[in-house]
Protein backbone atom coordinates (compact mmCIF):
# COMPACT_ATOMS: atom_id res chain seq x y z
CA MET A 1 8.17 69.22 34.15
CA ASN A 2 7.85 72.53 33.27
CA ARG A 3 4.46 72.60 33.20
CA TYR A 4 4.20 72.08 36.76
CA GLN A 5 6.93 74.74 37.94
CA ASP A 6 4.92 77.95 38.26
CA LYS A 7 1.40 75.79 39.95
CA LYS A 8 1.94 75.99 43.79
CA ASP A 9 2.17 73.36 46.32
CA ASN A 10 -1.16 73.11 46.93
CA VAL A 11 -2.41 72.67 43.59
CA LEU A 12 0.46 70.09 42.98
CA VAL A 13 -0.34 68.27 45.99
CA GLU A 14 -4.12 67.83 44.88
CA MET A 15 -2.43 66.74 41.36
CA THR A 16 -0.97 63.97 43.12
CA LEU A 17 -3.81 62.85 44.85
CA LEU A 18 -5.58 62.35 41.75
CA GLY A 19 -3.06 60.09 40.58
CA ASP A 20 -0.78 62.45 38.53
CA SER A 21 3.16 61.25 39.84
CA GLU A 22 4.89 63.97 38.06
CA ALA A 23 3.24 66.47 40.48
CA PHE A 24 5.10 64.61 42.53
CA ASP A 25 7.72 64.50 41.34
CA ALA A 26 8.17 68.24 40.93
CA LEU A 27 7.44 68.72 44.96
CA VAL A 28 10.28 66.79 45.66
CA LEU A 29 12.45 68.76 43.13
CA ARG A 30 11.15 72.23 44.82
CA HIS A 31 11.79 71.03 48.32
CA GLN A 32 14.46 68.22 48.28
CA ASN A 33 17.24 70.70 49.07
CA ALA A 34 15.43 72.36 51.84
CA VAL A 35 14.49 68.69 53.01
CA LYS A 36 18.10 67.34 52.99
CA GLY A 37 19.81 70.82 54.54
CA THR A 38 17.12 70.04 57.18
CA ALA A 39 18.19 66.19 58.10
CA TYR A 40 22.36 67.15 57.72
CA LYS A 41 21.51 69.77 60.56
CA VAL A 42 20.66 66.73 62.77
CA THR A 43 22.99 63.78 61.27
CA GLY A 44 25.91 65.89 60.64
CA ASN A 45 26.25 63.34 58.32
CA SER A 46 25.22 63.60 54.48
CA PHE A 47 24.92 59.74 54.06
CA SER A 48 22.39 59.73 56.80
CA ALA A 49 20.80 62.37 55.85
CA GLU A 50 20.12 61.51 52.12
CA ASP A 51 18.22 58.33 54.08
CA ALA A 52 15.96 60.62 56.23
CA SER A 53 15.27 62.63 53.33
CA GLN A 54 14.32 59.73 51.27
CA ASP A 55 12.05 58.24 54.21
CA ALA A 56 10.45 61.62 54.28
CA PHE A 57 9.57 61.96 50.90
CA VAL A 58 8.04 57.92 50.84
CA SER A 59 6.38 58.91 54.25
CA ALA A 60 4.94 61.93 52.54
CA TRP A 61 3.80 60.18 49.48
CA VAL A 62 1.91 57.39 51.50
CA ASN A 63 0.55 60.09 53.94
CA LEU A 64 -0.29 62.81 51.58
CA ALA A 65 -4.34 62.52 52.00
CA SER A 66 -3.65 63.36 55.69
CA LEU A 67 -2.24 66.62 54.76
CA LYS A 68 -4.89 69.34 56.19
CA ASP A 69 -3.18 72.23 54.51
CA PRO A 70 -1.80 71.37 51.12
CA SER A 71 0.04 74.95 50.89
CA LEU A 72 1.92 73.81 54.30
CA PHE A 73 3.82 71.03 52.14
CA GLY A 74 7.39 72.27 52.46
CA SER A 75 7.59 72.69 55.91
CA TRP A 76 5.55 69.19 56.94
CA VAL A 77 8.27 67.53 54.74
CA CYS A 78 10.89 69.39 56.38
CA SER A 79 9.66 67.91 59.73
CA ILE A 80 9.19 64.88 58.71
CA ALA A 81 12.88 64.62 58.12
CA LYS A 82 13.79 65.79 61.10
CA ASN A 83 11.92 63.40 62.80
CA ARG A 84 13.27 60.68 60.92
CA ALA A 85 16.91 62.24 60.81
CA LYS A 86 16.93 62.43 64.87
CA SER A 87 15.51 58.37 64.83
CA LEU A 88 18.58 57.46 62.62
CA VAL A 89 20.95 59.10 64.85
CA THR A 90 19.56 57.58 68.61
CA HIS A 91 19.54 54.21 65.99
CA TYR A 92 22.86 54.66 64.89
CA ARG A 93 24.14 55.72 68.75
CA SER A 94 23.30 52.12 69.53
CA VAL A 95 24.83 50.25 66.79
CA THR A 96 28.03 48.67 67.96
CA ALA A 97 31.26 50.31 67.26
CA ASP A 98 32.48 47.51 64.96
CA ILE A 99 30.07 48.17 62.58
CA SER A 100 29.83 51.00 60.10
CA LEU A 101 27.23 53.39 60.11
CA HIS A 102 27.81 54.35 55.72
CA LEU A 103 26.94 52.82 52.57
CA LEU A 104 29.36 51.18 50.55
CA GLU A 105 31.65 54.39 49.30
CA ASN A 106 34.49 54.39 47.21
CA LEU A 107 34.86 50.45 47.30
CA ASP A 108 37.08 49.36 44.15
CA LEU A 109 36.99 45.35 44.46
CA ASP A 110 39.99 45.00 41.70
CA GLY A 111 37.70 47.11 39.21
CA GLU A 112 34.83 44.99 39.91
CA ASP A 113 31.61 46.13 39.94
CA ALA A 114 30.71 47.03 43.52
CA SER A 115 26.89 47.43 43.19
CA GLY A 116 25.96 43.69 43.44
CA LEU A 117 28.34 43.47 46.67
CA ASP A 118 25.94 45.33 48.91
CA ALA A 119 25.02 42.47 50.49
CA LEU A 120 25.25 42.03 54.15
CA THR A 121 25.28 45.73 54.44
CA GLY A 122 21.52 45.99 55.96
CA VAL A 123 20.35 47.76 52.69
CA VAL A 124 17.46 46.34 50.69
CA GLY A 125 18.42 43.33 48.15
CA VAL A 126 20.01 41.62 50.50
CA ALA A 127 18.84 38.01 48.63
CA GLU A 128 19.41 39.51 45.20
CA ALA A 129 23.09 40.62 46.23
CA MET A 130 23.83 37.33 47.60
CA ARG A 131 22.97 35.62 43.97
CA ASP A 132 26.14 37.48 43.30
CA GLU A 133 28.37 34.89 41.88
CA GLN A 134 32.03 36.31 43.55
CA LEU A 135 29.62 36.52 46.77
CA HIS A 136 29.18 32.92 46.93
CA LEU A 137 33.01 32.32 46.59
CA TYR A 138 33.58 34.56 49.32
CA VAL A 139 31.56 32.55 51.54
CA ASP A 140 32.45 29.33 49.85
CA ALA A 141 35.84 30.24 51.77
CA LEU A 142 34.34 30.37 55.40
CA SER A 143 34.77 27.28 57.84
CA ASP A 144 31.81 25.31 57.58
CA LYS A 145 29.33 25.85 60.42
CA ILE A 146 29.67 29.43 59.82
CA ARG A 147 29.31 28.84 55.98
CA GLU A 148 25.94 26.77 56.77
CA ALA A 149 24.57 29.69 58.97
CA ILE A 150 25.10 32.37 56.39
CA GLU A 151 23.46 29.95 53.55
CA MET A 152 20.83 29.25 55.14
CA HIS A 153 19.92 32.68 56.63
CA TYR A 154 20.38 34.82 53.59
CA PHE A 155 20.24 32.40 50.20
CA LYS A 156 17.01 30.73 51.87
CA GLY A 157 15.55 33.07 54.02
CA LEU A 158 15.59 31.27 57.34
CA SER A 159 15.32 33.27 60.55
CA VAL A 160 17.84 32.82 63.72
CA ALA A 161 15.09 30.67 65.46
CA GLU A 162 14.52 28.10 62.63
CA ILE A 163 18.11 27.74 61.48
CA ALA A 164 18.52 26.85 65.70
CA ALA A 165 15.80 24.73 65.43
CA LYS A 166 16.79 23.11 62.28
CA LEU A 167 20.76 22.58 63.60
CA SER A 168 19.39 21.77 67.33
CA VAL A 169 21.56 24.85 68.23
CA PRO A 170 20.93 27.62 70.53
CA VAL A 171 19.72 30.54 68.99
CA GLY A 172 22.45 32.48 70.48
CA THR A 173 25.08 29.83 68.92
CA VAL A 174 23.09 30.86 65.77
CA LYS A 175 23.81 34.55 65.88
CA TRP A 176 27.42 34.52 67.00
CA ARG A 177 27.79 32.37 63.57
CA LEU A 178 26.15 34.98 61.45
CA CYS A 179 28.31 38.09 63.16
CA GLU A 180 31.35 35.91 62.72
CA GLY A 181 30.58 35.65 59.46
CA ARG A 182 29.81 39.00 58.40
CA LYS A 183 32.84 39.84 60.08
CA GLN A 184 35.36 37.54 58.18
CA LEU A 185 33.66 38.86 55.42
CA ARG A 186 33.95 42.32 56.05
CA LYS A 187 37.58 42.27 57.09
CA GLU A 188 39.15 39.52 54.30
CA TYR A 189 36.60 40.95 50.99
CA GLY A 190 36.88 44.76 52.44
CA MET A 191 32.59 44.45 52.65
CA ILE A 192 30.88 47.11 55.05
CA GLU A 193 28.25 46.34 56.94
CA LYS A 194 25.49 48.72 58.07
CA GLU A 195 22.60 48.08 60.48
CA TYR A 196 21.05 44.58 60.16
CA ASP A 197 18.78 42.57 62.02
CA GLU A 198 19.38 38.98 61.74
CA ASN A 199 16.26 38.32 62.93
CA LYS A 200 13.73 39.96 60.08
CA THR A 201 11.60 37.37 58.44
CA LEU A 202 11.88 36.30 54.88
CA VAL A 203 8.35 38.40 54.51
CA GLN A 204 9.93 42.09 56.52
CA ARG A 205 12.83 41.45 54.17
CA VAL A 206 10.59 41.64 51.03
CA ARG A 207 8.64 44.30 52.55
CA GLU A 208 12.08 46.37 52.62
CA GLN A 209 12.57 45.94 48.99
CA VAL A 210 9.22 47.12 48.23
CA GLU A 211 10.06 50.29 50.48
CA HIS A 212 13.18 50.90 48.59
CA LEU A 213 11.58 50.09 45.18
CA LYS A 214 9.04 53.06 46.40
CA LEU A 215 11.79 55.35 46.60
CA TRP A 216 11.85 55.42 42.63
CA ARG A 217 9.15 57.98 42.78
CA ILE A 218 11.48 60.79 44.08
CA LYS A 219 14.02 60.17 41.05
CA ASN A 220 14.10 61.91 37.69
CA ASP A 221 15.81 59.31 35.96
CA LYS A 222 13.34 56.03 36.09
CA THR A 223 16.61 54.45 33.60
CA GLY A 224 17.11 50.96 35.71
CA PHE A 225 13.73 50.58 37.39
CA GLU A 226 12.28 47.77 35.52
CA PRO A 227 15.09 45.31 36.24
CA GLU A 228 14.92 45.90 40.24
CA TYR A 229 10.95 45.85 39.78
CA ARG A 230 10.64 42.58 38.33
CA ALA A 231 12.61 41.11 41.06
CA VAL A 232 10.97 43.02 43.71
CA LEU A 233 7.90 41.42 42.42
CA SER A 234 9.10 38.24 41.86
CA SER A 235 10.19 38.50 45.55
CA VAL A 236 6.42 39.53 46.98
CA GLU A 237 4.75 36.99 44.37
CA SER A 238 6.77 34.18 46.04
CA LEU A 239 5.30 34.98 49.49
CA GLU A 240 3.00 32.86 50.92
CA GLU A 241 -0.72 34.13 51.01
CA SER A 242 -1.65 36.61 52.93
CA GLY A 243 -3.25 40.40 53.40
CA GLU A 244 0.54 41.79 53.77
CA LYS A 245 1.28 40.08 50.55
CA GLN A 246 -1.42 41.72 48.71
CA HIS A 247 -0.87 44.59 50.51
CA MET A 248 2.69 44.77 48.99
CA LEU A 249 1.73 43.14 45.93
CA ALA A 250 -0.62 46.10 45.55
CA ASP A 251 2.64 48.91 45.99
CA VAL A 252 4.78 46.86 43.70
CA LEU A 253 2.02 46.59 40.68
CA ILE A 254 0.81 49.75 40.47
CA LEU A 255 4.92 51.28 40.12
CA GLY A 256 5.11 49.64 37.23
CA TYR A 257 1.45 51.04 36.25
CA TRP A 258 2.71 53.93 35.88
CA TRP A 259 6.22 53.68 34.71
CA LEU A 260 6.64 50.41 32.45
CA PRO A 261 5.29 50.21 28.78
CA GLY A 262 2.00 48.34 28.18
CA GLN A 263 1.49 47.95 31.87
CA ALA A 264 -1.02 51.23 31.82
CA ASN A 265 -4.54 49.05 31.26
CA ASP A 266 -7.26 47.66 32.43
CA GLU A 267 -6.42 44.13 33.30
CA VAL A 268 -3.28 45.26 35.15
CA LEU A 269 -5.84 48.21 37.02
CA ALA A 270 -7.89 45.47 37.87
CA LYS A 271 -5.04 43.59 39.70
CA ILE A 272 -3.68 46.87 41.42
CA LYS A 273 -7.37 47.40 42.85
CA ALA A 274 -8.02 43.65 43.41
CA SER A 275 -4.37 43.33 45.58
CA ALA A 276 -5.76 46.79 47.06
CA ILE A 277 -8.80 45.58 48.48
CA GLU A 278 -7.67 42.49 50.22
CA GLY A 279 -4.56 43.85 51.63
CA HIS A 280 -6.39 47.19 52.88
CA ASN A 281 -3.91 49.45 50.92
CA GLU A 282 -5.70 52.48 51.57
CA SER A 283 -2.93 54.83 50.04
CA VAL A 284 -3.02 52.72 46.54
CA MET A 285 -6.61 52.92 46.23
CA GLN A 286 -6.60 56.51 46.44
CA CYS A 287 -4.35 56.21 43.30
CA VAL A 288 -6.88 53.56 41.59
CA ILE A 289 -10.19 55.29 42.36
CA PRO A 290 -9.77 58.49 40.29
CA LYS A 291 -8.72 56.28 37.30
CA GLU A 292 -11.88 53.98 37.81
CA TYR A 293 -13.79 57.00 38.07
CA ALA A 294 -12.49 58.51 34.92
CA LYS A 295 -13.43 55.12 32.80
CA TYR A 296 -17.12 55.67 33.43
């Protein structure tokens, strides 16, 4: 990373567009304090400011080619963070008072690792967290109808409308059962819920997992990346065939190509290219083209 310290922003931007992910890491390190500070001025909350900052850098990465003056990267990403922070504040104000707006903080369930208990938080990885053995025990303790709705929605990925049709009950009834189930889990077992839209489809939830995985781009330490990568890749591959699936598959595979041993080969690159073309993933194609050009 030291070899990037003396390079100006415009040079780092150009290097990133040519496929050098470490150049973007250098940009993040250089501007992360200013970006988070900008977001904090809007939210007044460190958790929300962190969310806005991460979203800003991901957005900057995806839309980097649209930046007309690369030397203005710092002010550009700060403006993105400011707008994202404003959106978070506006949205959070509309959320009902009984839903916490923060991530799990200082949660200690009798010494157990809380990292697997962020299900029902509305954060990415709901399906994975819901497989946690302890959480299954919590859900089993719910009343039959509420447990049934929770299991169908969180375990099996059915939408509210699909559950309503399957159980022959109104959509409003399903929403109430899901809401009540989450409330009981929070009350009895100390779970805290972040914003969550039970109307999201399985594809939408998987898309959120992909976006969360992409946040690894701005982390300095990639320890723990591979298990999450494998889980998200499995989720994407399990979806029904569609252009959107291929778009997400390209996003995931390119991350593995960069950071996993043995993945940076022509076969994987060909898969990435095929998925990017079929899914119209222009940002991934911008990474593939220089590598293909270098081959010839």
